[in-house]
C-alpha atoms as a PDB file:
ATOM      1  CA  MET A   1      98.738 120.642  96.582  1.00  0.00           C
ATOM      2  CA  PRO A   2      96.714 117.379  97.101  1.00  0.00           C
ATOM      3  CA  TYR A   3      93.013 116.853  96.923  1.00  0.00           C
ATOM      4  CA  THR A   4      92.137 115.979 100.504  1.00  0.00           C
ATOM      5  CA  LEU A   5      88.793 114.271 101.390  1.00  0.00           C
ATOM      6  CA  LEU A   6      87.459 115.794 105.035  1.00  0.00           C
ATOM      7  CA  LEU A   7      86.351 112.172 106.447  1.00  0.00           C
ATOM      8  CA  ASN A   8      85.933 110.819 109.897  1.00  0.00           C
ATOM      9  CA  ASN A   9      87.417 107.586 110.810  1.00  0.00           C
ATOM     10  CA  LEU A  10      84.930 105.132 109.687  1.00  0.00           C
ATOM     11  CA  GLU A  11      84.479 107.300 106.399  1.00  0.00           C
ATOM     12  CA  PHE A  12      87.909 106.892 105.683  1.00  0.00           C
ATOM     13  CA  THR A  13      88.103 102.885 106.433  1.00  0.00           C
ATOM     14  CA  GLY A  14      85.225 102.826 103.940  1.00  0.00           C
ATOM     15  CA  VAL A  15      87.215 104.523 101.323  1.00  0.00           C
ATOM     16  CA  VAL A  16      90.360 102.302 101.893  1.00  0.00           C
ATOM     17  CA  LEU A  17      88.375  99.108 101.837  1.00  0.00           C
ATOM     18  CA  VAL A  18      87.396 100.245  98.461  1.00  0.00           C
ATOM     19  CA  ILE A  19      90.133 102.018  96.867  1.00  0.00           C
ATOM     20  CA  SER A  20      91.856  98.348  98.460  1.00  0.00           C
ATOM     21  CA  THR A  21      89.381  95.772  97.303  1.00  0.00           C
ATOM     22  CA  THR A  22      89.676  98.084  93.288  1.00  0.00           C
ATOM     23  CA  ALA A  23      94.104  97.960  93.878  1.00  0.00           C
ATOM     24  CA  GLY A  24      93.217  94.112  94.430  1.00  0.00           C
ATOM     25  CA  PHE A  25      91.456  93.903  91.332  1.00  0.00           C
ATOM     26  CA  LEU A  26      93.739  95.481  88.780  1.00  0.00           C
ATOM     27  CA  GLY A  27      96.371  93.643  90.513  1.00  0.00           C
ATOM     28  CA  SER A  28      95.061  89.837  90.015  1.00  0.00           C
ATOM     29  CA  LEU A  29      93.859  91.160  86.174  1.00  0.00           C
ATOM     30  CA  THR A  30      97.203  92.882  85.288  1.00  0.00           C
ATOM     31  CA  GLY A  31      99.671  91.063  87.078  1.00  0.00           C
ATOM     32  CA  LEU A  32     100.846  94.021  88.510  1.00  0.00           C
ATOM     33  CA  GLY A  33     101.065  94.654  92.415  1.00  0.00           C
ATOM     34  CA  GLY A  34      97.880  96.234  94.226  1.00  0.00           C
ATOM     35  CA  GLY A  35     101.034  99.345  95.320  1.00  0.00           C
ATOM     36  CA  VAL A  36     100.769 100.651  91.583  1.00  0.00           C
ATOM     37  CA  VAL A  37      97.193 102.000  92.900  1.00  0.00           C
ATOM     38  CA  ILE A  38      97.390 101.949  96.593  1.00  0.00           C
ATOM     39  CA  THR A  39      99.943 104.183  97.340  1.00  0.00           C
ATOM     40  CA  PRO A  40      98.853 107.287  94.134  1.00  0.00           C
ATOM     41  CA  ALA A  41      95.181 106.665  95.438  1.00  0.00           C
ATOM     42  CA  LEU A  42      96.415 106.964  99.430  1.00  0.00           C
ATOM     43  CA  THR A  43      98.453 110.196  98.121  1.00  0.00           C
ATOM     44  CA  LEU A  44      96.421 111.730  96.087  1.00  0.00           C
ATOM     45  CA  LEU A  45      92.900 111.077  96.594  1.00  0.00           C
ATOM     46  CA  LEU A  46      93.429 111.080 100.363  1.00  0.00           C
ATOM     47  CA  GLY A  47      96.243 113.585 101.276  1.00  0.00           C
ATOM     48  CA  VAL A  48      98.226 110.647 102.646  1.00  0.00           C
ATOM     49  CA  ASP A  49     102.207 111.456 102.844  1.00  0.00           C
ATOM     50  CA  LEU A  50     104.248 109.847 100.864  1.00  0.00           C
ATOM     51  CA  HIS A  51     106.503 108.094 103.071  1.00  0.00           C
ATOM     52  CA  TYR A  52     103.292 106.819 105.171  1.00  0.00           C
ATOM     53  CA  ALA A  53     102.009 105.377 101.381  1.00  0.00           C
ATOM     54  CA  ILE A  54     104.855 103.700 100.661  1.00  0.00           C
ATOM     55  CA  GLY A  55     105.022 102.329 104.109  1.00  0.00           C
ATOM     56  CA  ALA A  56     101.998 100.576 104.005  1.00  0.00           C
ATOM     57  CA  SER A  57     102.418  98.871 100.749  1.00  0.00           C
ATOM     58  CA  LEU A  58     105.681  97.351 101.396  1.00  0.00           C
ATOM     59  CA  VAL A  59     103.949  95.914 104.821  1.00  0.00           C
ATOM     60  CA  SER A  60     101.028  94.682 102.521  1.00  0.00           C
ATOM     61  CA  VAL A  61     103.490  92.883 100.671  1.00  0.00           C
ATOM     62  CA  ILE A  62     105.643  91.648 103.342  1.00  0.00           C
ATOM     63  CA  ALA A  63     102.314  89.798 105.052  1.00  0.00           C
ATOM     64  CA  THR A  64     101.794  88.160 101.610  1.00  0.00           C
ATOM     65  CA  SER A  65     105.386  87.276 101.113  1.00  0.00           C
ATOM     66  CA  SER A  66     105.053  85.414 104.176  1.00  0.00           C
ATOM     67  CA  GLY A  67     101.920  83.835 103.942  1.00  0.00           C
ATOM     68  CA  ALA A  68     103.026  82.419 100.749  1.00  0.00           C
ATOM     69  CA  ALA A  69     106.029  81.625 102.218  1.00  0.00           C
ATOM     70  CA  SER A  70     104.558  79.912 105.149  1.00  0.00           C
ATOM     71  CA  ALA A  71     102.202  78.087 103.140  1.00  0.00           C
ATOM     72  CA  TYR A  72     105.559  76.987 100.927  1.00  0.00           C
ATOM     73  CA  VAL A  73     107.265  75.285 103.715  1.00  0.00           C
ATOM     74  CA  ARG A  74     103.925  73.299 104.708  1.00  0.00           C
END
C-alpha cells in the first residue's frame, strides 16, 4: 500500500511544485528526463494512480516538444 499524504489542494500543488522543480534540476544535471523522477514521486509519495502519473509525464513531454518545435520552425 503506497504512503499517501493527506493534503488539501493548495498543499498538494505546493508539494508537486517542489517535486517538479527538483525533477527539472536533476533532469538538467544528469541529462535524463524529469519523468524519471516525477512518475515515481507522484505514485509513491502522493498516492496518484500510475496511469495518471504517466499521463502527466506524457503531457509535459508533449508541451516541451511543441515549444522546441515551434522555436525550431522560426
